[in-house]
Amino acid sequence: MGRPATSPSQRGLLLVEAGLCAVVIAVGLVFISRGLANQLKALRTVDEYETLLSLAHGKLSELEAQRLAGIPQPPGRPEGSFEMADETSSTSEYQWSVAAVRREDLDVDTDGRPLFSNVTLTVRRQDDERRSSAVSLFAIWPTAWVPAE
């Protein structure tokens, strides 16, 4: 038996097919690498948000425990900061602040002063690269817990 004859045009077609396959694979790898980079960025954002939320919950619990224990609060707007080192060994500073707005619509005492206030605790992050992000928690506290401004 003899080999079937192949024309030179079929061999050239195989070369073109191989070139097209290489281009398709290269384009696919570019899109896959971009997708992975975007996923890593999203994971860092979620991790940062979880850190901010955890700090905010802890600080709000701490402030509420101080109020329940009857620890006197200094006048003015309460604020402070946390120092934390993250996994890249750069130092990030987290600041917190509390703002309160009295609520006349909930309940008032005999003198017409509101008994409750909306309290907003905000935790912000400012790192070495000047990126910033923030998370806020809201609560309703007795007005007696809120320092006079």
Protein backbone atom coordinates (compact mmCIF):
# COMPACT_ATOMS: atom_id res chain seq x y z
CA MET A 1 0.00 0.00 0.00
CA GLY A 2 1.17 3.42 -0.81
CA ARG A 3 0.85 6.61 1.13
CA PRO A 4 -1.85 9.00 0.07
CA ALA A 5 -0.48 11.98 -1.72
CA THR A 6 -0.58 15.26 0.14
CA SER A 7 -0.57 18.53 -1.61
CA PRO A 8 1.70 21.36 -0.48
CA SER A 9 -1.36 23.52 0.22
CA GLN A 10 -2.53 21.17 3.01
CA ARG A 11 0.82 21.43 4.80
CA GLY A 12 0.56 25.22 4.64
CA LEU A 13 -2.94 25.03 6.09
CA LEU A 14 -1.63 23.13 9.12
CA LEU A 15 0.92 25.89 9.73
CA VAL A 16 -1.83 28.54 9.64
CA GLU A 17 -3.98 26.46 12.03
CA ALA A 18 -1.07 26.13 14.44
CA GLY A 19 -0.49 29.90 14.34
CA LEU A 20 -4.17 30.62 15.00
CA CYS A 21 -4.19 28.18 17.93
CA ALA A 22 -1.19 29.97 19.45
CA VAL A 23 -2.95 33.35 19.09
CA VAL A 24 -6.19 32.03 20.65
CA ILE A 25 -4.28 30.50 23.57
CA ALA A 26 -2.30 33.74 24.14
CA VAL A 27 -5.47 35.87 24.14
CA GLY A 28 -7.18 33.42 26.50
CA LEU A 29 -4.24 33.53 28.92
CA VAL A 30 -4.34 37.34 28.95
CA PHE A 31 -8.04 37.32 29.92
CA ILE A 32 -7.46 34.62 32.56
CA SER A 33 -4.60 36.58 34.14
CA ARG A 34 -6.69 39.77 34.22
CA GLY A 35 -9.54 37.89 35.84
CA LEU A 36 -7.24 36.49 38.51
CA ALA A 37 -5.80 39.95 39.21
CA ASN A 38 -9.30 41.36 39.63
CA GLN A 39 -10.22 38.52 41.99
CA LEU A 40 -7.15 39.18 44.14
CA LYS A 41 -8.02 42.88 44.31
CA ALA A 42 -11.58 42.02 45.35
CA LEU A 43 -10.29 39.68 48.06
CA ARG A 44 -8.04 42.44 49.46
CA THR A 45 -11.02 44.82 49.49
CA VAL A 46 -13.18 42.29 51.35
CA ASP A 47 -10.37 41.64 53.85
CA GLU A 48 -9.97 45.37 54.47
CA TYR A 49 -13.73 45.79 54.95
CA GLU A 50 -13.81 42.87 57.42
CA THR A 51 -10.96 44.47 59.40
CA LEU A 52 -12.74 47.83 59.51
CA LEU A 53 -16.02 46.20 60.50
CA SER A 54 -14.35 44.15 63.24
CA LEU A 55 -12.64 47.24 64.68
CA ALA A 56 -15.90 49.20 64.54
CA HIS A 57 -17.88 46.46 66.33
CA GLY A 58 -15.19 46.16 69.00
CA LYS A 59 -15.01 49.92 69.59
CA LEU A 60 -18.80 50.29 69.70
CA SER A 61 -19.02 47.44 72.22
CA GLU A 62 -16.24 49.02 74.28
CA LEU A 63 -17.96 52.43 74.29
CA GLU A 64 -21.30 50.88 75.24
CA ALA A 65 -19.64 48.91 78.06
CA GLN A 66 -18.07 52.12 79.38
CA ARG A 67 -21.47 53.85 79.31
CA LEU A 68 -23.14 50.94 81.11
CA ALA A 69 -20.37 50.92 83.74
CA GLY A 70 -20.98 54.61 84.38
CA ILE A 71 -17.50 55.76 83.37
CA PRO A 72 -17.74 59.53 82.83
CA GLN A 73 -17.07 60.72 79.29
CA PRO A 74 -15.08 63.85 78.55
CA PRO A 75 -16.97 66.64 76.79
CA GLY A 76 -16.56 67.03 73.06
CA ARG A 77 -16.55 64.61 70.20
CA PRO A 78 -15.00 61.25 71.13
CA GLU A 79 -12.32 60.08 68.73
CA GLY A 80 -9.12 58.08 68.71
CA SER A 81 -6.94 55.77 66.67
CA PHE A 82 -5.64 52.21 66.45
CA GLU A 83 -2.17 51.26 65.15
CA MET A 84 -1.96 47.97 63.28
CA ALA A 85 0.67 46.29 61.10
CA ASP A 86 -0.79 44.45 58.12
CA GLU A 87 0.60 41.47 56.21
CA THR A 88 2.75 43.63 53.93
CA SER A 89 4.59 44.98 57.01
CA SER A 90 3.46 48.54 56.30
CA THR A 91 1.80 50.42 59.10
CA SER A 92 -1.82 51.34 58.70
CA GLU A 93 -3.52 53.78 60.98
CA TYR A 94 -7.17 53.35 61.78
CA GLN A 95 -9.04 56.33 63.21
CA TRP A 96 -12.44 56.23 64.85
CA SER A 97 -14.90 58.97 65.69
CA VAL A 98 -18.36 59.15 67.17
CA ALA A 99 -21.06 61.62 66.19
CA ALA A 100 -24.51 61.90 67.78
CA VAL A 101 -27.78 63.53 66.74
CA ARG A 102 -30.62 63.86 69.24
CA ARG A 103 -33.95 62.26 68.27
CA GLU A 104 -36.99 64.28 69.27
CA ASP A 105 -39.30 61.90 67.43
CA LEU A 106 -38.67 58.89 69.73
CA ASP A 107 -39.36 60.15 73.24
CA VAL A 108 -38.86 63.31 75.29
CA ASP A 109 -38.63 63.95 79.00
CA THR A 110 -40.88 66.31 80.96
CA ASP A 111 -38.73 69.30 79.93
CA GLY A 112 -39.04 68.44 76.23
CA ARG A 113 -35.46 67.19 75.86
CA PRO A 114 -34.98 64.05 73.75
CA LEU A 115 -34.21 60.85 75.65
CA PHE A 116 -32.47 59.12 72.72
CA SER A 117 -29.81 59.98 70.14
CA ASN A 118 -28.64 58.48 66.86
CA VAL A 119 -24.99 57.58 67.27
CA THR A 120 -22.67 57.01 64.31
CA LEU A 121 -19.29 55.35 64.86
CA THR A 122 -16.98 55.71 61.86
CA VAL A 123 -13.70 53.82 61.48
CA ARG A 124 -11.33 55.04 58.76
CA ARG A 125 -8.11 53.58 57.42
CA GLN A 126 -5.24 55.67 56.12
CA ASP A 127 -2.18 53.67 55.07
CA ASP A 128 1.31 54.52 53.85
CA GLU A 129 0.19 54.56 50.21
CA ARG A 130 -2.50 57.21 50.96
CA ARG A 131 -5.36 54.85 50.23
CA SER A 132 -8.31 55.32 52.53
CA SER A 133 -11.52 53.49 53.28
CA ALA A 134 -14.19 53.75 55.95
CA VAL A 135 -17.08 51.90 57.55
CA SER A 136 -19.84 53.33 59.77
CA LEU A 137 -22.04 51.69 62.38
CA PHE A 138 -25.26 53.23 63.62
CA ALA A 139 -26.95 52.78 67.00
CA ILE A 140 -29.54 54.46 69.16
CA TRP A 141 -28.26 55.39 72.62
CA PRO A 142 -29.86 57.13 75.57
CA THR A 143 -29.03 60.82 75.34
CA ALA A 144 -27.42 60.63 78.81
CA TRP A 145 -24.67 58.45 77.24
CA VAL A 146 -23.77 61.10 74.67
CA PRO A 147 -21.30 63.75 75.86
CA ALA A 148 -22.40 67.35 75.50
CA GLU A 149 -20.76 69.06 72.53
